[in-house]
C-alpha atoms as a PDB file:
ATOM      1  CA  UNK A   1      -1.164 -22.624  10.471  1.00  0.00           C
ATOM      2  CA  UNK A   2      -4.256 -23.823   8.674  1.00  0.00           C
ATOM      3  CA  UNK A   3      -7.758 -24.045  10.903  1.00  0.00           C
ATOM      4  CA  UNK A   4     -10.714 -25.068   8.604  1.00  0.00           C
ATOM      5  CA  UNK A   5     -13.478 -25.810  10.725  1.00  0.00           C
ATOM      6  CA  UNK A   6     -17.346 -25.897  11.179  1.00  0.00           C
ATOM      7  CA  UNK A   7     -18.280 -22.442  13.158  1.00  0.00           C
ATOM      8  CA  UNK A   8     -21.255 -21.983  15.448  1.00  0.00           C
ATOM      9  CA  UNK A   9     -20.435 -18.258  15.464  1.00  0.00           C
ATOM     10  CA  UNK A  10     -18.037 -16.322  12.921  1.00  0.00           C
ATOM     11  CA  UNK A  11     -17.588 -12.577  13.281  1.00  0.00           C
ATOM     12  CA  UNK A  12     -16.260 -11.144   9.984  1.00  0.00           C
ATOM     13  CA  UNK A  13     -15.239  -7.958  11.391  1.00  0.00           C
ATOM     14  CA  UNK A  14     -12.879  -9.449  13.784  1.00  0.00           C
ATOM     15  CA  UNK A  15     -11.489 -11.917  11.777  1.00  0.00           C
ATOM     16  CA  UNK A  16     -11.040  -9.314   8.770  1.00  0.00           C
ATOM     17  CA  UNK A  17      -8.448  -6.898  12.008  1.00  0.00           C
ATOM     18  CA  UNK A  18      -6.189 -10.833  11.418  1.00  0.00           C
ATOM     19  CA  UNK A  19      -6.264 -11.620   7.753  1.00  0.00           C
ATOM     20  CA  UNK A  20      -5.977  -9.579   4.570  1.00  0.00           C
ATOM     21  CA  UNK A  21      -9.523 -10.272   3.297  1.00  0.00           C
ATOM     22  CA  UNK A  22     -12.705 -12.342   4.925  1.00  0.00           C
ATOM     23  CA  UNK A  23     -15.207 -13.475   2.098  1.00  0.00           C
ATOM     24  CA  UNK A  24     -18.983 -14.270   3.453  1.00  0.00           C
ATOM     25  CA  UNK A  25     -21.072 -16.236   1.257  1.00  0.00           C
ATOM     26  CA  UNK A  26     -24.450 -18.384   1.313  1.00  0.00           C
ATOM     27  CA  UNK A  27     -25.040 -21.365  -0.417  1.00  0.00           C
ATOM     28  CA  UNK A  28     -25.181 -20.966  -4.094  1.00  0.00           C
ATOM     29  CA  UNK A  29     -27.226 -22.951  -7.136  1.00  0.00           C
ATOM     30  CA  UNK A  30     -24.729 -21.598  -9.347  1.00  0.00           C
ATOM     31  CA  UNK A  31     -22.864 -24.648 -11.045  1.00  0.00           C
ATOM     32  CA  UNK A  32     -19.953 -23.211  -9.527  1.00  0.00           C
ATOM     33  CA  UNK A  33     -20.189 -23.425  -6.412  1.00  0.00           C
ATOM     34  CA  UNK A  34     -18.562 -26.679  -5.723  1.00  0.00           C
ATOM     35  CA  UNK A  35     -15.365 -25.277  -7.634  1.00  0.00           C
ATOM     36  CA  UNK A  36     -15.811 -22.321  -5.186  1.00  0.00           C
ATOM     37  CA  UNK A  37     -15.790 -24.312  -2.003  1.00  0.00           C
ATOM     38  CA  UNK A  38     -12.937 -26.673  -2.922  1.00  0.00           C
ATOM     39  CA  UNK A  39     -10.841 -23.214  -3.682  1.00  0.00           C
ATOM     40  CA  UNK A  40     -11.623 -21.947  -0.728  1.00  0.00           C
ATOM     41  CA  UNK A  41     -11.069 -24.688   1.416  1.00  0.00           C
ATOM     42  CA  UNK A  42      -7.371 -24.281   0.432  1.00  0.00           C
ATOM     43  CA  UNK A  43      -7.377 -20.809   2.437  1.00  0.00           C
ATOM     44  CA  UNK A  44      -5.995 -20.168   5.579  1.00  0.00           C
ATOM     45  CA  UNK A  45      -9.014 -20.249   7.892  1.00  0.00           C
ATOM     46  CA  UNK A  46     -12.506 -21.644   6.152  1.00  0.00           C
ATOM     47  CA  UNK A  47     -15.933 -21.852   8.304  1.00  0.00           C
ATOM     48  CA  UNK A  48     -19.273 -22.828   7.717  1.00  0.00           C
ATOM     49  CA  UNK A  49     -22.256 -21.322  10.305  1.00  0.00           C
ATOM     50  CA  UNK A  50     -25.729 -22.121  10.121  1.00  0.00           C
ATOM     51  CA  UNK A  51     -27.530 -18.473   9.863  1.00  0.00           C
ATOM     52  CA  UNK A  52     -31.360 -18.758   9.821  1.00  0.00           C
ATOM     53  CA  UNK A  53     -31.016 -22.334   9.093  1.00  0.00           C
ATOM     54  CA  UNK A  54     -29.168 -21.812   6.084  1.00  0.00           C
ATOM     55  CA  UNK A  55     -24.988 -22.492   5.757  1.00  0.00           C
ATOM     56  CA  UNK A  56     -22.920 -19.700   5.548  1.00  0.00           C
ATOM     57  CA  UNK A  57     -19.590 -19.976   4.254  1.00  0.00           C
ATOM     58  CA  UNK A  58     -16.866 -17.967   5.472  1.00  0.00           C
ATOM     59  CA  UNK A  59     -13.545 -17.705   4.009  1.00  0.00           C
ATOM     60  CA  UNK A  60     -10.490 -16.013   5.815  1.00  0.00           C
ATOM     61  CA  UNK A  61      -7.723 -15.390   3.634  1.00  0.00           C
ATOM     62  CA  UNK A  62      -4.537 -14.795   4.694  1.00  0.00           C
ATOM     63  CA  UNK A  63      -1.584 -11.642   2.940  1.00  0.00           C
ATOM     64  CA  UNK A  64       0.358 -13.890   0.937  1.00  0.00           C
ATOM     65  CA  UNK A  65       0.895 -15.119  -2.392  1.00  0.00           C
ATOM     66  CA  UNK A  66      -1.052 -18.457  -2.703  1.00  0.00           C
ATOM     67  CA  UNK A  67      -4.258 -16.749  -0.961  1.00  0.00           C
ATOM     68  CA  UNK A  68      -4.418 -13.789  -2.786  1.00  0.00           C
ATOM     69  CA  UNK A  69      -4.479 -15.757  -6.111  1.00  0.00           C
ATOM     70  CA  UNK A  70      -7.106 -17.221  -4.497  1.00  0.00           C
ATOM     71  CA  UNK A  71      -9.194 -15.046  -3.664  1.00  0.00           C
ATOM     72  CA  UNK A  72      -9.393 -13.260  -7.295  1.00  0.00           C
ATOM     73  CA  UNK A  73     -10.027 -16.992  -8.327  1.00  0.00           C
ATOM     74  CA  UNK A  74     -13.300 -16.809  -6.042  1.00  0.00           C
ATOM     75  CA  UNK A  75     -14.431 -13.584  -6.242  1.00  0.00           C
ATOM     76  CA  UNK A  76     -14.468 -14.296  -9.793  1.00  0.00           C
ATOM     77  CA  UNK A  77     -17.344 -16.941  -9.757  1.00  0.00           C
ATOM     78  CA  UNK A  78     -19.167 -15.365  -7.033  1.00  0.00           C
ATOM     79  CA  UNK A  79     -19.190 -11.461  -7.678  1.00  0.00           C
ATOM     80  CA  UNK A  80     -22.877 -11.808  -8.927  1.00  0.00           C
ATOM     81  CA  UNK A  81     -23.964 -13.805  -6.275  1.00  0.00           C
ATOM     82  CA  UNK A  82     -26.603 -12.580  -4.060  1.00  0.00           C
ATOM     83  CA  UNK A  83     -25.539 -11.843  -0.168  1.00  0.00           C
ATOM     84  CA  UNK A  84     -21.614 -11.912  -0.953  1.00  0.00           C
ATOM     85  CA  UNK A  85     -19.513  -9.762   1.478  1.00  0.00           C
ATOM     86  CA  UNK A  86     -15.792  -8.902   1.627  1.00  0.00           C
ATOM     87  CA  UNK A  87     -14.636  -7.589   4.627  1.00  0.00           C
ATOM     88  CA  UNK A  88     -10.869  -6.391   5.085  1.00  0.00           C
ATOM     89  CA  UNK A  89      -9.256  -4.066   7.937  1.00  0.00           C
ATOM     90  CA  UNK A  90     -13.146  -4.165  10.326  1.00  0.00           C
ATOM     91  CA  UNK A  91     -14.967  -2.644   7.721  1.00  0.00           C
ATOM     92  CA  UNK A  92     -17.668  -4.264   4.658  1.00  0.00           C
ATOM     93  CA  UNK A  93     -16.136  -3.630   1.402  1.00  0.00           C
ATOM     94  CA  UNK A  94     -18.448  -2.740  -1.211  1.00  0.00           C
ATOM     95  CA  UNK A  95     -16.757  -2.875  -4.587  1.00  0.00           C
ATOM     96  CA  UNK A  96     -15.833  -6.303  -5.746  1.00  0.00           C
ATOM     97  CA  UNK A  97     -14.580  -5.725  -9.030  1.00  0.00           C
ATOM     98  CA  UNK A  98     -12.591  -2.936  -6.975  1.00  0.00           C
ATOM     99  CA  UNK A  99     -10.634  -5.173  -4.877  1.00  0.00           C
ATOM    100  CA  UNK A 100     -10.044  -7.270  -7.147  1.00  0.00           C
ATOM    101  CA  UNK A 101      -7.760  -4.871  -9.055  1.00  0.00           C
ATOM    102  CA  UNK A 102      -6.086  -4.516  -5.794  1.00  0.00           C
ATOM    103  CA  UNK A 103      -5.556  -7.914  -5.309  1.00  0.00           C
ATOM    104  CA  UNK A 104      -4.287  -8.696  -8.929  1.00  0.00           C
ATOM    105  CA  UNK A 105      -1.776  -5.525  -8.639  1.00  0.00           C
ATOM    106  CA  UNK A 106      -0.455  -7.196  -5.312  1.00  0.00           C
ATOM    107  CA  UNK A 107       0.222 -10.510  -7.200  1.00  0.00           C
ATOM    108  CA  UNK A 108       2.119  -8.458  -9.683  1.00  0.00           C
ATOM    109  CA  UNK A 109       4.137  -7.464  -7.267  1.00  0.00           C
ATOM    110  CA  UNK A 110       4.833 -11.111  -6.212  1.00  0.00           C
ATOM    111  CA  UNK A 111       6.248 -11.979  -9.673  1.00  0.00           C
ATOM    112  CA  UNK A 112       9.001  -9.511  -9.193  1.00  0.00           C
ATOM    113  CA  UNK A 113      12.367 -10.739  -8.038  1.00  0.00           C
ATOM    114  CA  UNK A 114      11.571  -7.271  -5.826  1.00  0.00           C
ATOM    115  CA  UNK A 115       8.366  -6.258  -5.208  1.00  0.00           C
ATOM    116  CA  UNK A 116       9.392  -2.747  -4.777  1.00  0.00           C
ATOM    117  CA  UNK A 117      10.321  -2.417  -8.334  1.00  0.00           C
ATOM    118  CA  UNK A 118       6.588  -2.535  -9.001  1.00  0.00           C
ATOM    119  CA  UNK A 119       5.358  -0.808  -6.000  1.00  0.00           C
ATOM    120  CA  UNK A 120       7.364   2.013  -5.295  1.00  0.00           C
ATOM    121  CA  UNK A 121       8.329   4.810  -7.744  1.00  0.00           C
ATOM    122  CA  UNK A 122      10.443   8.106  -7.548  1.00  0.00           C
ATOM    123  CA  UNK A 123       8.659  11.593  -7.701  1.00  0.00           C
ATOM    124  CA  UNK A 124       9.485  14.879  -7.608  1.00  0.00           C
ATOM    125  CA  UNK A 125       9.050  16.950  -4.287  1.00  0.00           C
ATOM    126  CA  UNK A 126       5.082  17.682  -4.725  1.00  0.00           C
ATOM    127  CA  UNK A 127       5.658  20.680  -2.517  1.00  0.00           C
ATOM    128  CA  UNK A 128       8.319  22.408  -4.979  1.00  0.00           C
ATOM    129  CA  UNK A 129       7.147  25.942  -6.258  1.00  0.00           C
ATOM    130  CA  UNK A 130       9.369  25.337  -9.239  1.00  0.00           C
ATOM    131  CA  UNK A 131       7.356  22.598 -10.924  1.00  0.00           C
ATOM    132  CA  UNK A 132       4.215  24.264  -9.937  1.00  0.00           C
ATOM    133  CA  UNK A 133       4.301  25.420 -14.046  1.00  0.00           C
ATOM    134  CA  UNK A 134       5.917  22.406 -15.168  1.00  0.00           C
ATOM    135  CA  UNK A 135       4.253  20.806 -18.425  1.00  0.00           C
ATOM    136  CA  UNK A 136       1.633  23.567 -19.554  1.00  0.00           C
ATOM    137  CA  UNK A 137       1.789  23.655 -23.258  1.00  0.00           C
ATOM    138  CA  UNK A 138       0.931  27.393 -23.450  1.00  0.00           C
ATOM    139  CA  UNK A 139       2.857  30.648 -22.050  1.00  0.00           C
ATOM    140  CA  UNK A 140       1.515  34.499 -21.962  1.00  0.00           C
ATOM    141  CA  UNK A 141       4.389  37.309 -21.918  1.00  0.00           C
ATOM    142  CA  UNK A 142       3.300  40.689 -21.302  1.00  0.00           C
ATOM    143  CA  UNK A 143       6.574  41.901 -22.116  1.00  0.00           C
ATOM    144  CA  UNK A 144       8.876  40.783 -24.583  1.00  0.00           C
ATOM    145  CA  UNK A 145      12.354  40.557 -22.641  1.00  0.00           C
ATOM    146  CA  UNK A 146      14.924  38.462 -22.903  1.00  0.00           C
ATOM    147  CA  UNK A 147      14.839  35.461 -20.393  1.00  0.00           C
ATOM    148  CA  UNK A 148      17.451  33.679 -18.207  1.00  0.00           C
ATOM    149  CA  UNK A 149      17.675  30.280 -17.632  1.00  0.00           C
ATOM    150  CA  UNK A 150      19.567  28.858 -13.796  1.00  0.00           C
ATOM    151  CA  UNK A 151      19.716  25.555 -12.742  1.00  0.00           C
ATOM    152  CA  UNK A 152      17.308  24.663  -9.905  1.00  0.00           C
ATOM    153  CA  UNK A 153      17.775  21.919  -8.017  1.00  0.00           C
ATOM    154  CA  UNK A 154      14.617  19.656  -7.462  1.00  0.00           C
ATOM    155  CA  UNK A 155      14.032  16.750  -4.336  1.00  0.00           C
ATOM    156  CA  UNK A 156      12.842  14.220  -5.311  1.00  0.00           C
ATOM    157  CA  UNK A 157      10.778  10.731  -3.182  1.00  0.00           C
ATOM    158  CA  UNK A 158       9.574   7.749  -3.138  1.00  0.00           C
ATOM    159  CA  UNK A 159       6.240   7.240  -3.278  1.00  0.00           C
ATOM    160  CA  UNK A 160       5.278   3.943  -1.676  1.00  0.00           C
ATOM    161  CA  UNK A 161       2.112   2.757  -3.851  1.00  0.00           C
ATOM    162  CA  UNK A 162       1.689   2.483  -7.382  1.00  0.00           C
ATOM    163  CA  UNK A 163      -1.903   1.473  -7.717  1.00  0.00           C
ATOM    164  CA  UNK A 164      -2.864   4.760  -4.590  1.00  0.00           C
ATOM    165  CA  UNK A 165      -0.356   7.318  -7.221  1.00  0.00           C
ATOM    166  CA  UNK A 166      -2.988   8.472  -9.655  1.00  0.00           C
ATOM    167  CA  UNK A 167      -5.533   8.549  -7.464  1.00  0.00           C
ATOM    168  CA  UNK A 168      -3.829  10.863  -5.022  1.00  0.00           C
ATOM    169  CA  UNK A 169      -3.029  14.584  -4.765  1.00  0.00           C
ATOM    170  CA  UNK A 170      -1.162  15.928  -1.582  1.00  0.00           C
ATOM    171  CA  UNK A 171      -2.200  19.013   0.364  1.00  0.00           C
ATOM    172  CA  UNK A 172      -0.422  21.734   0.690  1.00  0.00           C
ATOM    173  CA  UNK A 173      -0.607  23.271   4.082  1.00  0.00           C
ATOM    174  CA  UNK A 174      -1.626  19.850   5.711  1.00  0.00           C
ATOM    175  CA  UNK A 175      -1.007  19.749   9.244  1.00  0.00           C
ATOM    176  CA  UNK A 176      -0.665  16.236   8.548  1.00  0.00           C
ATOM    177  CA  UNK A 177       2.851  13.976   7.627  1.00  0.00           C
ATOM    178  CA  UNK A 178       2.847  13.686   3.452  1.00  0.00           C
ATOM    179  CA  UNK A 179       3.289   9.642   5.059  1.00  0.00           C
ATOM    180  CA  UNK A 180      -0.161  10.341   7.212  1.00  0.00           C
ATOM    181  CA  UNK A 181      -1.622  11.649   3.950  1.00  0.00           C
ATOM    182  CA  UNK A 182      -0.710   9.042   1.528  1.00  0.00           C
ATOM    183  CA  UNK A 183      -2.033   6.649   4.636  1.00  0.00           C
ATOM    184  CA  UNK A 184      -5.484   8.314   4.847  1.00  0.00           C
ATOM    185  CA  UNK A 185      -5.857   8.079   0.799  1.00  0.00           C
ATOM    186  CA  UNK A 186      -5.367   4.138   0.748  1.00  0.00           C
ATOM    187  CA  UNK A 187      -7.829   3.993   3.673  1.00  0.00           C
ATOM    188  CA  UNK A 188     -10.451   6.105   1.509  1.00  0.00           C
ATOM    189  CA  UNK A 189      -9.411   4.465  -1.711  1.00  0.00           C
ATOM    190  CA  UNK A 190      -9.720   1.158  -0.094  1.00  0.00           C
ATOM    191  CA  UNK A 191      -5.883  -0.522  -0.915  1.00  0.00           C
ATOM    192  CA  UNK A 192      -4.664   0.434   2.467  1.00  0.00           C
ATOM    193  CA  UNK A 193      -5.378  -3.654   3.273  1.00  0.00           C
ATOM    194  CA  UNK A 194      -2.481  -4.336   0.542  1.00  0.00           C
ATOM    195  CA  UNK A 195       0.011  -6.388   1.615  1.00  0.00           C
ATOM    196  CA  UNK A 196       2.687  -4.338   0.469  1.00  0.00           C
ATOM    197  CA  UNK A 197       1.823  -1.516   1.498  1.00  0.00           C
ATOM    198  CA  UNK A 198       4.016   0.639   3.451  1.00  0.00           C
ATOM    199  CA  UNK A 199       2.945   4.545   3.836  1.00  0.00           C
ATOM    200  CA  UNK A 200       6.024   5.232   6.077  1.00  0.00           C
ATOM    201  CA  UNK A 201       8.625   4.412   2.970  1.00  0.00           C
ATOM    202  CA  UNK A 202       7.987   7.516   2.051  1.00  0.00           C
ATOM    203  CA  UNK A 203      11.260   8.958   1.694  1.00  0.00           C
ATOM    204  CA  UNK A 204      13.509  11.100  -0.105  1.00  0.00           C
ATOM    205  CA  UNK A 205      16.302   9.445  -2.975  1.00  0.00           C
ATOM    206  CA  UNK A 206      18.239  11.833  -4.442  1.00  0.00           C
ATOM    207  CA  UNK A 207      17.270  15.039  -6.294  1.00  0.00           C
ATOM    208  CA  UNK A 208      17.522  16.243 -10.221  1.00  0.00           C
ATOM    209  CA  UNK A 209      17.930  19.650 -12.062  1.00  0.00           C
ATOM    210  CA  UNK A 210      16.182  21.296 -14.019  1.00  0.00           C
ATOM    211  CA  UNK A 211      16.433  24.621 -16.040  1.00  0.00           C
ATOM    212  CA  UNK A 212      13.696  27.295 -14.906  1.00  0.00           C
ATOM    213  CA  UNK A 213      13.169  30.282 -17.035  1.00  0.00           C
ATOM    214  CA  UNK A 214      13.593  33.535 -15.550  1.00  0.00           C
ATOM    215  CA  UNK A 215      12.780  37.313 -17.126  1.00  0.00           C
ATOM    216  CA  UNK A 216      14.360  40.371 -15.949  1.00  0.00           C
END
């Protein structure tokens, strides 16, 4: 239920554990200030508190498409304002541009008939030794011997986050599970708060066959 109210005390750290994002900003002299407030009032929660005698505005965005759209719109206006703070999962997020990137990625998924077609991708087994040298453009052969080619089956997995995929590397021999490695990396890359992020979606989805070259 939408909750718009004046508040004597607001804890953005606590609120950010219950909402997708919490945005805090002081009153501004910007010509867009009234427009920002108009957008903010439509969010899942909107509150005003007096801090040091000055009004400070708190906007709590729910994990849904409408509030994500509001968050992107507001961030576009307030990113250069002084005193703006963004919170999620109990911590302060430092980069508003990065936050907007994550939200835009989520919004793209919500425009798809199946969000998983946007968020998830199929990759080869990242721990497979058979793929270790795939893609190298240069090879050196010390002895000229005929090669043999053998079919090798490669397991394929579902990687659960398109935003994180190119920012992440699996660690061979790590005691944590693949899903936990993905989740930890999402925390490090400040995208674990995306409503679609599901690290446990990491799972085997099939196989493919490659030709591997051997030498006698």
